[in-house]
Amino acid sequence: MDTPLLSVQQLHADITENALPVLKNISFDLYQGEILALVGESGSGKSVTALSIPRLLSPKEISYTSGSVFFRNTNGKQINLLQLTERELNQYRGKDIGLVFQEPMSSLNPVMTCGMQVMEQILQHSKCSKTEAKEKTIELFSQVELPDPEKIIDRYPHQLSGGQKQRVMIAMAISCEPALLIADEPTTALDVTVQKSILELLNKIRKNNGMALLFITHDLGIVEELADKVAVMQQGEIKEFNSAKSIFKNPQHPYTKALLACRSSSFKKGERLLTIENFLNQDQTGIVHHSTQNTTIFNFKNSDDSPLISVKNLTVNFEKKYWWNRKKITNTPVIKQISFDIFKGETLGLVGESGCGKTTLGRTLLKLQTAESGSIFFNDEDILNLSRSEFNHYRKELQIVFQDPYASLNPKMRIGEILLEPLQLHRKELSKKQAKETVTELLDKVGLPKDAVNRYPYAFSGGQRQRICIARALAVNPSFIVWDESVSALDVSIQAQILNLINDLKAELRFTSLFISHDLSVIRYLCDRILVMKKGSIVEQGDAKTIWSNPQHSYTRELLDAIPGRRVP
């Protein structure tokens, strides 16, 4: 049709409290059956743009000072959604405009069954009985390829995996056959195989129902495979709008070029990743320059290849006690008789789907998780059977950087206090003055200003908080660090900064690492060797380059095939 389904025209929005602009003259058209991707760094305005269409942001949060959002209703009439009352908007929300949010666990009601939540949506917008709504819900669960739909309808969100919860959200979003589906980072927290199935599902539904899809993501590989058109956003503005083919083959704006160039999949192992700053530096004349010069990272390896950590026949079970019978315990094996070595100076990558045991293994190496049997040798001493007091001698040698930096930092403590704590515990030889000087050195080492010591975690961005967590881990001069999904939640440019920082610190401090991730592109770029885990067992291990280019196990090939926009530099 010549008339767009959705037409956003010169939309400008301010934060209500301080009148700071968050959207600046946003304009784009989306036609029936099209996929439009909104891309950009965190804070660029992608989610605000998407949520502004059905006006899900409170007037107390966002004020729309100008512009319009026209939506073509079922009668073919263009309606300006910004001029509708709340009651009129509710006729479109959920029915003509469906939404899939980034985090399904916080979007689903934890005290309602999954089936009841979808039925509630159907009953609100359709004239049908509860029996008919239940039948349609089962049909929808089957359509989104959930196992045992008849059983899933009676389960609560916490009883489903992340991928299954997201499928429930999709079923709810398409339950009334919307003309427009808005998907806000629907696959960010999912591993590559689940991500692939969700994307295939969304594309299949789009084709079958003829709906338009507004897709928000910071994963440019997904955009390259999925989108028809792309809008590149920065600081509340659309910097470039074009077909996906044109954007990826011939980007025009320096910011678009920067986003495309930051991807780790475009670089060989050891090359310094380019960041946004490399592209957006300006000289005194105002001309934008970009640097494409890469510096090879020094990759330290011990000449005798002696293992720092040696794992032998390690088994870890999860114990579950039932409240009605405290003696009854069920043991579920999470890690099953695995053995491997981590050599001094190397970075060992650990990959696999969610639930395969990656994080449990990393935590067990640091004795944060109890093992059922086996041995963990650190410098030839079995640390698994040491008492807590005996293991305290090794605690400073073994550190971890968690996936969620905000959750792992005490919100009531200033950054200076957070970094002083491990120094006071494990480096008691330092005076107060020396400890404070060490904190300043740590901040400088991870690229943070000195005045950060007096600020709280909430005052920093996600990338800055991850730098603080890295500084805390380095405070006690560890010889081994576990990186548990430490860059998975970061957008591509911040991820490049953190990966460069890790490589710089490796070259300077020569620590040994276990790097846990579901992103094989990052693993390939950063790691020397790779372990591939499936259901608690190691199914393949070897040199990173070999596994990337010539995987032997079918599961490894499945993981690699699921990577969107995969390329071998």
Foldseek 3Di string as FASTA:
>chain_A
DPDFQKWWFQWWKAFQPPRHTQAGGDTDGHHFLFEEEEAEFPSLCQVVVVCVQLVPDDPNTMDTPDTFMWGQDPVRDTDTNVPDDPVVSVLCELAQEFEQEAFLVVVFDQVAQLLVLLLVSCVVNHPDDSVVSSVLQLVLLVLLPPPPSVVSRRHGPVVDDRLSSSSSSVSSRCSNLHQEYEYANHPLPFFLLSSLSNLVSVSVSCVVSRHYYYYYDLDLLSCLPRHQKYFYGGSNYGPDIDGSVCLVPPNDDLQSVQSNQLFLLVDAAQWQGGFSCQFQDADPVRDTHHDDDTDGFDQDADPVQDFQKWWFQWWAWDWDADPVHRVDIDTHTLAGGETDTFTFLFEEEEAEGPSLCQVVVLCVLLPVGQTPDTFMAGVHDTPNPDDPVVCVVCNLQEEEQEQQLVVVFDQVAQLLVLQLVVCVVQVVVDDPVRSLVLSCVLCVLLVHHSVSRGDGPVVDDRLVSSSSSVSSSPSSLHQEYEYHNHCSNGRSNSSSSVLSSVSNCCRVSSHTYYYYDSDLSSCLRHGQKYFYTGSNYTPDIDGSVCCQVPNDDPSSVSSNVSDRPRDHD
